[in-house]
Amino acid sequence: MNHQIFESNYKKLGFLILNPETVEEINGDDYKAYIKVLYLPEGYEITIDFKQYKTSSPSLFFINSNQYLQINKEGKKQGYFMYYNRDFYCVQIHDAEVACDGLLFNNIFEMPMTTLPDKEVLFVEGIYNQIQQEFDAPDSSQEEMIRTYLKQLIIKATRIWKIQQLGVLNDEPSKEMDFFRDFSRLVEIHFRTKHTVADYADILGLAPKTLSNKFNRLELSQPNDIIKDRIILEAKRLLGYSSLSVKEIAYQLGYEDPAYFNRLFTNKVGDTPSNFKKKYLQGKNVQLE
């Protein structure tokens, strides 16, 4: 079967093998509210939010429930799509187990893709085969086994993602990595109401300059750019996928002065919010920074 589901109380996890029929289903609205994990061999093309990704080798994608996903082109080999709700597994609650929040999910690079090194492909495909077997022959411990495989997938991908994306940060003491993750998570939680470096420095108990210096030393984007980029990403999502007016979006993102929000957006994107919306809805190539 192409579609398998585990459901108990409020917990839900589903598993699909990709084919033209299931791709059409995934591109609809059915899975928007779920956290999604995609395994795509080479030759796939997908859009996540406003960025396009092509797989030249097997890759994993971790996509949050607030992110837009579209599979544009299938590769020749079989891919897998898994979706689940927070009741089944919440990375925030289980952060001590998998340490992926702020990295695989909610990361400041907006990078949902993990390209698998050759030596890891068999391991990851093995996990998917095990999950499939759990659905083929369910047992009383099915839920815990599936959750264990999901955790293995997340832990493995987090390790690979860190090497691929964080460069020098991997050589730093673990407290620096934790600091980076904390900042990422705080921005994800507060970007609608806290817009300045000083706001986040205050929560972290640092001087704003100390916060900026940490990012400078590690050659990461400036905290101010990270905060503003997250606000702009949300603005793009609301412009593209909601019926809110530009003024309503400005208010929702914590800007009392819509004109200020307009200037910020135009400055960052190179297009006014209303132009961006118009172009996006017409299916034109929106400037992707």
C-alpha atoms as a PDB file:
ATOM      1  CA  MET A   1       0.000   0.000   0.000  1.00  0.00           C
ATOM      2  CA  ASN A   2       1.128   3.516  -0.817  1.00  0.00           C
ATOM      3  CA  HIS A   3      -0.285   5.149   2.292  1.00  0.00           C
ATOM      4  CA  GLN A   4       0.027   3.822   5.841  1.00  0.00           C
ATOM      5  CA  ILE A   5      -1.232   5.584   8.972  1.00  0.00           C
ATOM      6  CA  PHE A   6      -0.677   5.126  12.673  1.00  0.00           C
ATOM      7  CA  GLU A   7      -3.271   6.865  14.847  1.00  0.00           C
ATOM      8  CA  SER A   8      -3.910   6.609  18.576  1.00  0.00           C
ATOM      9  CA  ASN A   9      -5.623   9.158  20.825  1.00  0.00           C
ATOM     10  CA  TYR A  10      -4.363  12.462  19.398  1.00  0.00           C
ATOM     11  CA  LYS A  11      -1.140  11.004  17.994  1.00  0.00           C
ATOM     12  CA  LYS A  12      -0.782  10.553  14.263  1.00  0.00           C
ATOM     13  CA  LEU A  13       1.971   9.566  11.838  1.00  0.00           C
ATOM     14  CA  GLY A  14       1.539   8.715   8.185  1.00  0.00           C
ATOM     15  CA  PHE A  15       3.885   7.188   5.625  1.00  0.00           C
ATOM     16  CA  LEU A  16       3.593   7.498   1.842  1.00  0.00           C
ATOM     17  CA  ILE A  17       5.654   6.095  -1.026  1.00  0.00           C
ATOM     18  CA  LEU A  18       5.989   8.757  -3.710  1.00  0.00           C
ATOM     19  CA  ASN A  19       4.257   8.218  -7.048  1.00  0.00           C
ATOM     20  CA  PRO A  20       2.263  10.611  -9.309  1.00  0.00           C
ATOM     21  CA  GLU A  21      -0.920   9.984  -7.288  1.00  0.00           C
ATOM     22  CA  THR A  22       0.603  10.564  -3.827  1.00  0.00           C
ATOM     23  CA  VAL A  23       2.609  13.576  -5.086  1.00  0.00           C
ATOM     24  CA  GLU A  24      -0.638  15.219  -6.180  1.00  0.00           C
ATOM     25  CA  GLU A  25      -2.071  14.480  -2.734  1.00  0.00           C
ATOM     26  CA  ILE A  26       1.006  15.928  -0.964  1.00  0.00           C
ATOM     27  CA  ASN A  27       0.806  19.080  -3.095  1.00  0.00           C
ATOM     28  CA  GLY A  28      -2.766  19.635  -1.898  1.00  0.00           C
ATOM     29  CA  ASP A  29      -3.827  20.965   1.503  1.00  0.00           C
ATOM     30  CA  ASP A  30      -4.146  17.684   3.430  1.00  0.00           C
ATOM     31  CA  TYR A  31      -0.720  17.749   5.089  1.00  0.00           C
ATOM     32  CA  LYS A  32      -0.164  21.460   5.716  1.00  0.00           C
ATOM     33  CA  ALA A  33      -0.740  21.187   9.461  1.00  0.00           C
ATOM     34  CA  TYR A  34       1.790  18.350   9.921  1.00  0.00           C
ATOM     35  CA  ILE A  35       5.542  18.209  10.391  1.00  0.00           C
ATOM     36  CA  LYS A  36       6.987  16.502   7.324  1.00  0.00           C
ATOM     37  CA  VAL A  37      10.098  14.455   6.541  1.00  0.00           C
ATOM     38  CA  LEU A  38      10.914  13.762   2.905  1.00  0.00           C
ATOM     39  CA  TYR A  39      13.502  11.318   1.606  1.00  0.00           C
ATOM     40  CA  LEU A  40      14.274  12.106  -2.023  1.00  0.00           C
ATOM     41  CA  PRO A  41      16.859  10.310  -4.191  1.00  0.00           C
ATOM     42  CA  GLU A  42      18.488  12.260  -7.061  1.00  0.00           C
ATOM     43  CA  GLY A  43      16.427  13.968  -9.745  1.00  0.00           C
ATOM     44  CA  TYR A  44      13.665  15.488  -7.591  1.00  0.00           C
ATOM     45  CA  GLU A  45      12.770  19.170  -7.642  1.00  0.00           C
ATOM     46  CA  ILE A  46      10.773  20.740  -4.816  1.00  0.00           C
ATOM     47  CA  THR A  47       9.817  24.158  -3.501  1.00  0.00           C
ATOM     48  CA  ILE A  48       9.871  24.904   0.231  1.00  0.00           C
ATOM     49  CA  ASP A  49       8.518  28.330   1.096  1.00  0.00           C
ATOM     50  CA  PHE A  50       9.974  30.463  -1.708  1.00  0.00           C
ATOM     51  CA  LYS A  51      13.126  28.511  -2.486  1.00  0.00           C
ATOM     52  CA  GLN A  52      13.655  25.698  -4.944  1.00  0.00           C
ATOM     53  CA  TYR A  53      15.807  22.647  -4.316  1.00  0.00           C
ATOM     54  CA  LYS A  54      17.079  19.989  -6.717  1.00  0.00           C
ATOM     55  CA  THR A  55      18.488  16.716  -5.471  1.00  0.00           C
ATOM     56  CA  SER A  56      21.670  15.587  -7.182  1.00  0.00           C
ATOM     57  CA  SER A  57      22.062  12.806  -4.606  1.00  0.00           C
ATOM     58  CA  PRO A  58      19.773  11.288  -1.920  1.00  0.00           C
ATOM     59  CA  SER A  59      18.636  13.985   0.514  1.00  0.00           C
ATOM     60  CA  LEU A  60      16.404  14.443   3.536  1.00  0.00           C
ATOM     61  CA  PHE A  61      14.120  17.437   4.005  1.00  0.00           C
ATOM     62  CA  PHE A  62      12.642  18.458   7.359  1.00  0.00           C
ATOM     63  CA  ILE A  63       9.665  20.745   6.925  1.00  0.00           C
ATOM     64  CA  ASN A  64       7.725  22.414   9.701  1.00  0.00           C
ATOM     65  CA  SER A  65       3.962  22.694   9.826  1.00  0.00           C
ATOM     66  CA  ASN A  66       4.061  26.410   8.961  1.00  0.00           C
ATOM     67  CA  GLN A  67       6.135  25.880   5.802  1.00  0.00           C
ATOM     68  CA  TYR A  68       4.850  25.607   2.257  1.00  0.00           C
ATOM     69  CA  LEU A  69       5.849  22.481   0.299  1.00  0.00           C
ATOM     70  CA  GLN A  70       5.393  21.637  -3.363  1.00  0.00           C
ATOM     71  CA  ILE A  71       6.951  18.673  -5.201  1.00  0.00           C
ATOM     72  CA  ASN A  72       7.581  19.956  -8.743  1.00  0.00           C
ATOM     73  CA  LYS A  73       9.353  17.018 -10.354  1.00  0.00           C
ATOM     74  CA  GLU A  74       9.846  13.372  -9.449  1.00  0.00           C
ATOM     75  CA  GLY A  75      13.111  11.521  -9.850  1.00  0.00           C
ATOM     76  CA  LYS A  76      13.380   8.010 -11.257  1.00  0.00           C
ATOM     77  CA  LYS A  77      13.949   6.302  -7.909  1.00  0.00           C
ATOM     78  CA  GLN A  78      11.447   5.848  -5.093  1.00  0.00           C
ATOM     79  CA  GLY A  79      11.091   8.591  -2.486  1.00  0.00           C
ATOM     80  CA  TYR A  80       9.294   8.555   0.859  1.00  0.00           C
ATOM     81  CA  PHE A  81       7.085  11.083   2.602  1.00  0.00           C
ATOM     82  CA  MET A  82       6.397  10.913   6.319  1.00  0.00           C
ATOM     83  CA  TYR A  83       4.162  13.302   8.226  1.00  0.00           C
ATOM     84  CA  TYR A  84       3.262  13.495  11.897  1.00  0.00           C
ATOM     85  CA  ASN A  85       1.757  15.821  14.471  1.00  0.00           C
ATOM     86  CA  ARG A  86       3.298  17.265  17.617  1.00  0.00           C
ATOM     87  CA  ASP A  87       1.341  14.830  19.744  1.00  0.00           C
ATOM     88  CA  PHE A  88       3.225  11.993  18.077  1.00  0.00           C
ATOM     89  CA  TYR A  89       6.624  13.663  18.473  1.00  0.00           C
ATOM     90  CA  CYS A  90       7.509  17.192  19.501  1.00  0.00           C
ATOM     91  CA  VAL A  91      11.142  18.216  19.040  1.00  0.00           C
ATOM     92  CA  GLN A  92      10.774  21.052  21.528  1.00  0.00           C
ATOM     93  CA  ILE A  93       9.658  18.741  24.337  1.00  0.00           C
ATOM     94  CA  HIS A  94      12.219  16.058  23.424  1.00  0.00           C
ATOM     95  CA  ASP A  95      15.057  18.431  22.687  1.00  0.00           C
ATOM     96  CA  ALA A  96      17.405  16.721  25.173  1.00  0.00           C
ATOM     97  CA  GLU A  97      17.023  13.503  23.146  1.00  0.00           C
ATOM     98  CA  VAL A  98      17.635  14.790  19.635  1.00  0.00           C
ATOM     99  CA  ALA A  99      19.026  18.363  19.962  1.00  0.00           C
ATOM    100  CA  CYS A 100      17.660  19.391  16.560  1.00  0.00           C
ATOM    101  CA  ASP A 101      15.457  22.390  17.363  1.00  0.00           C
ATOM    102  CA  GLY A 102      17.201  25.476  16.003  1.00  0.00           C
ATOM    103  CA  LEU A 103      19.172  23.261  13.608  1.00  0.00           C
ATOM    104  CA  LEU A 104      17.102  20.858  11.503  1.00  0.00           C
ATOM    105  CA  PHE A 105      13.978  22.777  12.442  1.00  0.00           C
ATOM    106  CA  ASN A 106      13.696  26.553  12.938  1.00  0.00           C
ATOM    107  CA  ASN A 107      17.248  27.218  11.800  1.00  0.00           C
ATOM    108  CA  ILE A 108      18.371  30.732  10.982  1.00  0.00           C
ATOM    109  CA  PHE A 109      19.739  29.664   7.590  1.00  0.00           C
ATOM    110  CA  GLU A 110      16.239  28.620   6.448  1.00  0.00           C
ATOM    111  CA  MET A 111      17.958  25.456   5.187  1.00  0.00           C
ATOM    112  CA  PRO A 112      15.635  22.419   5.336  1.00  0.00           C
ATOM    113  CA  MET A 113      17.846  20.158   3.208  1.00  0.00           C
ATOM    114  CA  THR A 114      20.379  17.571   4.367  1.00  0.00           C
ATOM    115  CA  THR A 115      22.361  15.936   1.554  1.00  0.00           C
ATOM    116  CA  LEU A 116      23.306  12.413   2.574  1.00  0.00           C
ATOM    117  CA  PRO A 117      26.925  11.294   2.211  1.00  0.00           C
ATOM    118  CA  ASP A 118      27.169   7.981   0.304  1.00  0.00           C
ATOM    119  CA  LYS A 119      27.984   6.007   3.430  1.00  0.00           C
ATOM    120  CA  GLU A 120      24.768   7.190   5.156  1.00  0.00           C
ATOM    121  CA  VAL A 121      22.328   6.376   2.339  1.00  0.00           C
ATOM    122  CA  LEU A 122      22.038   2.692   3.250  1.00  0.00           C
ATOM    123  CA  PHE A 123      21.474   3.566   6.916  1.00  0.00           C
ATOM    124  CA  VAL A 124      18.656   5.985   6.084  1.00  0.00           C
ATOM    125  CA  GLU A 125      17.033   3.673   3.524  1.00  0.00           C
ATOM    126  CA  GLY A 126      17.255   0.916   6.145  1.00  0.00           C
ATOM    127  CA  ILE A 127      15.277   3.056   8.601  1.00  0.00           C
ATOM    128  CA  TYR A 128      12.557   3.639   6.019  1.00  0.00           C
ATOM    129  CA  ASN A 129      12.400  -0.087   5.297  1.00  0.00           C
ATOM    130  CA  GLN A 130      12.035  -0.785   9.032  1.00  0.00           C
ATOM    131  CA  ILE A 131       9.208   1.760   9.314  1.00  0.00           C
ATOM    132  CA  GLN A 132       7.481   0.102   6.370  1.00  0.00           C
ATOM    133  CA  GLN A 133       7.817  -3.299   8.068  1.00  0.00           C
ATOM    134  CA  GLU A 134       6.210  -1.871  11.220  1.00  0.00           C
ATOM    135  CA  PHE A 135       3.171  -0.960   9.142  1.00  0.00           C
ATOM    136  CA  ASP A 136       3.154  -4.300   7.311  1.00  0.00           C
ATOM    137  CA  ALA A 137       3.137  -6.310  10.549  1.00  0.00           C
ATOM    138  CA  PRO A 138       1.838  -4.090  13.391  1.00  0.00           C
ATOM    139  CA  ASP A 139       2.603  -5.118  16.949  1.00  0.00           C
ATOM    140  CA  SER A 140       1.576  -3.711  20.336  1.00  0.00           C
ATOM    141  CA  SER A 141       4.897  -1.814  20.446  1.00  0.00           C
ATOM    142  CA  GLN A 142       4.433  -0.382  16.931  1.00  0.00           C
ATOM    143  CA  GLU A 143       4.064   3.220  18.091  1.00  0.00           C
ATOM    144  CA  GLU A 144       7.268   3.230  20.133  1.00  0.00           C
ATOM    145  CA  MET A 145       9.243   1.478  17.383  1.00  0.00           C
ATOM    146  CA  ILE A 146       8.142   3.993  14.735  1.00  0.00           C
ATOM    147  CA  ARG A 147       8.978   6.863  17.081  1.00  0.00           C
ATOM    148  CA  THR A 148      12.415   5.330  17.722  1.00  0.00           C
ATOM    149  CA  TYR A 149      13.114   5.120  13.984  1.00  0.00           C
ATOM    150  CA  LEU A 150      11.953   8.718  13.524  1.00  0.00           C
ATOM    151  CA  LYS A 151      14.336   9.819  16.295  1.00  0.00           C
ATOM    152  CA  GLN A 152      17.227   7.941  14.660  1.00  0.00           C
ATOM    153  CA  LEU A 153      16.468   9.727  11.404  1.00  0.00           C
ATOM    154  CA  ILE A 154      16.406  13.118  13.139  1.00  0.00           C
ATOM    155  CA  ILE A 155      19.625  12.504  15.104  1.00  0.00           C
ATOM    156  CA  LYS A 156      21.508  11.232  12.048  1.00  0.00           C
ATOM    157  CA  ALA A 157      20.322  14.139   9.887  1.00  0.00           C
ATOM    158  CA  THR A 158      21.159  16.697  12.602  1.00  0.00           C
ATOM    159  CA  ARG A 159      24.757  15.454  12.770  1.00  0.00           C
ATOM    160  CA  ILE A 160      25.145  15.637   8.983  1.00  0.00           C
ATOM    161  CA  TRP A 161      23.382  19.030   8.758  1.00  0.00           C
ATOM    162  CA  LYS A 162      25.731  20.534  11.359  1.00  0.00           C
ATOM    163  CA  ILE A 163      28.788  19.472   9.368  1.00  0.00           C
ATOM    164  CA  GLN A 164      27.305  20.778   6.112  1.00  0.00           C
ATOM    165  CA  GLN A 165      25.941  24.108   7.360  1.00  0.00           C
ATOM    166  CA  LEU A 166      27.801  25.262  10.448  1.00  0.00           C
ATOM    167  CA  GLY A 167      31.434  25.083   9.393  1.00  0.00           C
ATOM    168  CA  VAL A 168      33.636  26.602  12.117  1.00  0.00           C
ATOM    169  CA  LEU A 169      30.900  26.262  14.729  1.00  0.00           C
ATOM    170  CA  ASN A 170      31.513  22.492  14.762  1.00  0.00           C
ATOM    171  CA  ASP A 171      34.973  23.082  16.215  1.00  0.00           C
ATOM    172  CA  GLU A 172      33.653  25.282  19.015  1.00  0.00           C
ATOM    173  CA  PRO A 173      32.782  24.078  22.535  1.00  0.00           C
ATOM    174  CA  SER A 174      29.266  22.644  22.713  1.00  0.00           C
ATOM    175  CA  LYS A 175      28.057  25.640  24.720  1.00  0.00           C
ATOM    176  CA  GLU A 176      28.613  27.809  21.605  1.00  0.00           C
ATOM    177  CA  MET A 177      26.444  25.464  19.553  1.00  0.00           C
ATOM    178  CA  ASP A 178      23.801  25.620  22.295  1.00  0.00           C
ATOM    179  CA  PHE A 179      23.998  29.408  22.252  1.00  0.00           C
ATOM    180  CA  PHE A 180      23.475  29.442  18.489  1.00  0.00           C
ATOM    181  CA  ARG A 181      20.499  27.067  18.827  1.00  0.00           C
ATOM    182  CA  ASP A 182      19.015  29.151  21.649  1.00  0.00           C
ATOM    183  CA  PHE A 183      19.197  32.291  19.544  1.00  0.00           C
ATOM    184  CA  SER A 184      17.563  30.484  16.563  1.00  0.00           C
ATOM    185  CA  ARG A 185      14.761  29.202  18.768  1.00  0.00           C
ATOM    186  CA  LEU A 186      14.185  32.560  20.443  1.00  0.00           C
ATOM    187  CA  VAL A 187      13.858  34.276  17.058  1.00  0.00           C
ATOM    188  CA  GLU A 188      11.346  31.619  15.973  1.00  0.00           C
ATOM    189  CA  ILE A 189       9.285  32.158  19.131  1.00  0.00           C
ATOM    190  CA  HIS A 190       9.404  35.962  19.350  1.00  0.00           C
ATOM    191  CA  PHE A 191       9.935  37.416  15.863  1.00  0.00           C
ATOM    192  CA  ARG A 192       6.398  38.837  15.748  1.00  0.00           C
ATOM    193  CA  THR A 193       6.891  40.945  18.850  1.00  0.00           C
ATOM    194  CA  LYS A 194      10.647  41.403  19.286  1.00  0.00           C
ATOM    195  CA  HIS A 195      12.401  43.064  16.379  1.00  0.00           C
ATOM    196  CA  THR A 196      15.755  44.279  17.698  1.00  0.00           C
ATOM    197  CA  VAL A 197      19.071  42.699  18.698  1.00  0.00           C
ATOM    198  CA  ALA A 198      18.663  44.385  22.091  1.00  0.00           C
ATOM    199  CA  ASP A 199      15.411  42.450  22.686  1.00  0.00           C
ATOM    200  CA  TYR A 200      17.175  39.097  22.246  1.00  0.00           C
ATOM    201  CA  ALA A 201      20.340  40.153  24.039  1.00  0.00           C
ATOM    202  CA  ASP A 202      18.101  41.034  26.976  1.00  0.00           C
ATOM    203  CA  ILE A 203      16.502  37.550  27.052  1.00  0.00           C
ATOM    204  CA  LEU A 204      19.966  35.946  26.801  1.00  0.00           C
ATOM    205  CA  GLY A 205      21.357  38.196  29.533  1.00  0.00           C
ATOM    206  CA  LEU A 206      23.987  39.775  27.264  1.00  0.00           C
ATOM    207  CA  ALA A 207      24.870  43.216  25.992  1.00  0.00           C
ATOM    208  CA  PRO A 208      23.718  43.653  22.351  1.00  0.00           C
ATOM    209  CA  LYS A 209      27.337  44.214  21.279  1.00  0.00           C
ATOM    210  CA  THR A 210      28.413  40.931  22.912  1.00  0.00           C
ATOM    211  CA  LEU A 211      25.696  39.093  20.989  1.00  0.00           C
ATOM    212  CA  SER A 212      26.780  40.639  17.670  1.00  0.00           C
ATOM    213  CA  ASN A 213      30.450  39.941  18.417  1.00  0.00           C
ATOM    214  CA  LYS A 214      29.720  36.224  18.985  1.00  0.00           C
ATOM    215  CA  PHE A 215      28.177  35.968  15.513  1.00  0.00           C
ATOM    216  CA  ASN A 216      31.001  38.035  13.999  1.00  0.00           C
ATOM    217  CA  ARG A 217      33.661  35.814  15.469  1.00  0.00           C
ATOM    218  CA  LEU A 218      32.000  32.715  14.023  1.00  0.00           C
ATOM    219  CA  GLU A 219      31.473  34.440  10.661  1.00  0.00           C
ATOM    220  CA  LEU A 220      27.705  33.937  10.851  1.00  0.00           C
ATOM    221  CA  SER A 221      25.083  36.397   9.582  1.00  0.00           C
ATOM    222  CA  GLN A 222      24.495  39.394  11.810  1.00  0.00           C
ATOM    223  CA  PRO A 223      21.751  38.887  14.454  1.00  0.00           C
ATOM    224  CA  ASN A 224      19.856  41.901  13.103  1.00  0.00           C
ATOM    225  CA  ASP A 225      19.767  40.368   9.598  1.00  0.00           C
ATOM    226  CA  ILE A 226      18.638  37.020  11.009  1.00  0.00           C
ATOM    227  CA  ILE A 227      15.742  38.659  12.903  1.00  0.00           C
ATOM    228  CA  LYS A 228      14.657  40.751   9.908  1.00  0.00           C
ATOM    229  CA  ASP A 229      14.958  37.810   7.476  1.00  0.00           C
ATOM    230  CA  ARG A 230      12.629  35.740   9.676  1.00  0.00           C
ATOM    231  CA  ILE A 231      10.086  38.581   9.746  1.00  0.00           C
ATOM    232  CA  ILE A 232      10.305  38.955   5.954  1.00  0.00           C
ATOM    233  CA  LEU A 233       9.895  35.197   5.406  1.00  0.00           C
ATOM    234  CA  GLU A 234       6.691  35.253   7.463  1.00  0.00           C
ATOM    235  CA  ALA A 235       5.499  38.323   5.568  1.00  0.00           C
ATOM    236  CA  LYS A 236       6.070  36.475   2.264  1.00  0.00           C
ATOM    237  CA  ARG A 237       4.149  33.451   3.534  1.00  0.00           C
ATOM    238  CA  LEU A 238       1.214  35.613   4.603  1.00  0.00           C
ATOM    239  CA  LEU A 239       1.276  37.545   1.317  1.00  0.00           C
ATOM    240  CA  GLY A 240       1.419  34.367  -0.742  1.00  0.00           C
ATOM    241  CA  TYR A 241      -0.881  32.053   1.189  1.00  0.00           C
ATOM    242  CA  SER A 242      -3.355  34.176   3.150  1.00  0.00           C
ATOM    243  CA  SER A 243      -6.026  36.699   2.267  1.00  0.00           C
ATOM    244  CA  LEU A 244      -4.734  39.291   4.757  1.00  0.00           C
ATOM    245  CA  SER A 245      -4.106  42.824   3.519  1.00  0.00           C
ATOM    246  CA  VAL A 246      -0.620  44.347   3.702  1.00  0.00           C
ATOM    247  CA  LYS A 247      -1.774  46.495   6.621  1.00  0.00           C
ATOM    248  CA  GLU A 248      -3.129  43.444   8.499  1.00  0.00           C
ATOM    249  CA  ILE A 249       0.128  41.578   7.888  1.00  0.00           C
ATOM    250  CA  ALA A 250       2.121  44.532   9.242  1.00  0.00           C
ATOM    251  CA  TYR A 251       0.009  44.500  12.435  1.00  0.00           C
ATOM    252  CA  GLN A 252       0.289  40.730  12.751  1.00  0.00           C
ATOM    253  CA  LEU A 253       4.073  41.024  12.592  1.00  0.00           C
ATOM    254  CA  GLY A 254       4.130  43.652  15.336  1.00  0.00           C
ATOM    255  CA  TYR A 255       4.425  46.835  13.256  1.00  0.00           C
ATOM    256  CA  GLU A 256       2.029  49.568  14.324  1.00  0.00           C
ATOM    257  CA  ASP A 257       3.135  51.675  11.354  1.00  0.00           C
ATOM    258  CA  PRO A 258       2.347  49.865   8.072  1.00  0.00           C
ATOM    259  CA  ALA A 259       4.432  52.421   6.122  1.00  0.00           C
ATOM    260  CA  TYR A 260       7.532  51.416   8.127  1.00  0.00           C
ATOM    261  CA  PHE A 261       6.802  47.741   7.447  1.00  0.00           C
ATOM    262  CA  ASN A 262       6.386  48.554   3.732  1.00  0.00           C
ATOM    263  CA  ARG A 263       9.821  50.218   3.644  1.00  0.00           C
ATOM    264  CA  LEU A 264      11.475  47.336   5.510  1.00  0.00           C
ATOM    265  CA  PHE A 265       9.979  44.753   3.150  1.00  0.00           C
ATOM    266  CA  THR A 266      10.820  46.733  -0.009  1.00  0.00           C
ATOM    267  CA  ASN A 267      14.357  47.316   1.229  1.00  0.00           C
ATOM    268  CA  LYS A 268      14.916  43.596   1.892  1.00  0.00           C
ATOM    269  CA  VAL A 269      13.069  42.067  -1.067  1.00  0.00           C
ATOM    270  CA  GLY A 270      13.431  44.735  -3.773  1.00  0.00           C
ATOM    271  CA  ASP A 271       9.656  44.806  -4.283  1.00  0.00           C
ATOM    272  CA  THR A 272       6.777  46.322  -2.336  1.00  0.00           C
ATOM    273  CA  PRO A 273       4.589  43.842  -0.421  1.00  0.00           C
ATOM    274  CA  SER A 274       1.642  44.398  -2.771  1.00  0.00           C
ATOM    275  CA  ASN A 275       3.848  43.914  -5.854  1.00  0.00           C
ATOM    276  CA  PHE A 276       5.319  40.757  -4.365  1.00  0.00           C
ATOM    277  CA  LYS A 277       1.819  39.397  -3.728  1.00  0.00           C
ATOM    278  CA  LYS A 278       0.639  40.266  -7.228  1.00  0.00           C
ATOM    279  CA  LYS A 279       3.654  38.647  -8.903  1.00  0.00           C
ATOM    280  CA  TYR A 280       3.483  35.604  -6.674  1.00  0.00           C
ATOM    281  CA  LEU A 281      -0.194  35.019  -7.361  1.00  0.00           C
ATOM    282  CA  GLN A 282       0.448  35.402 -11.082  1.00  0.00           C
ATOM    283  CA  GLY A 283       3.012  32.627 -10.732  1.00  0.00           C
ATOM    284  CA  LYS A 284       5.904  34.805 -11.830  1.00  0.00           C
ATOM    285  CA  ASN A 285       9.428  34.334 -10.609  1.00  0.00           C
ATOM    286  CA  VAL A 286       9.456  36.251  -7.389  1.00  0.00           C
ATOM    287  CA  GLN A 287      12.827  37.658  -6.406  1.00  0.00           C
ATOM    288  CA  LEU A 288      14.249  35.174  -3.912  1.00  0.00           C
ATOM    289  CA  GLU A 289      17.075  37.258  -2.430  1.00  0.00           C
END
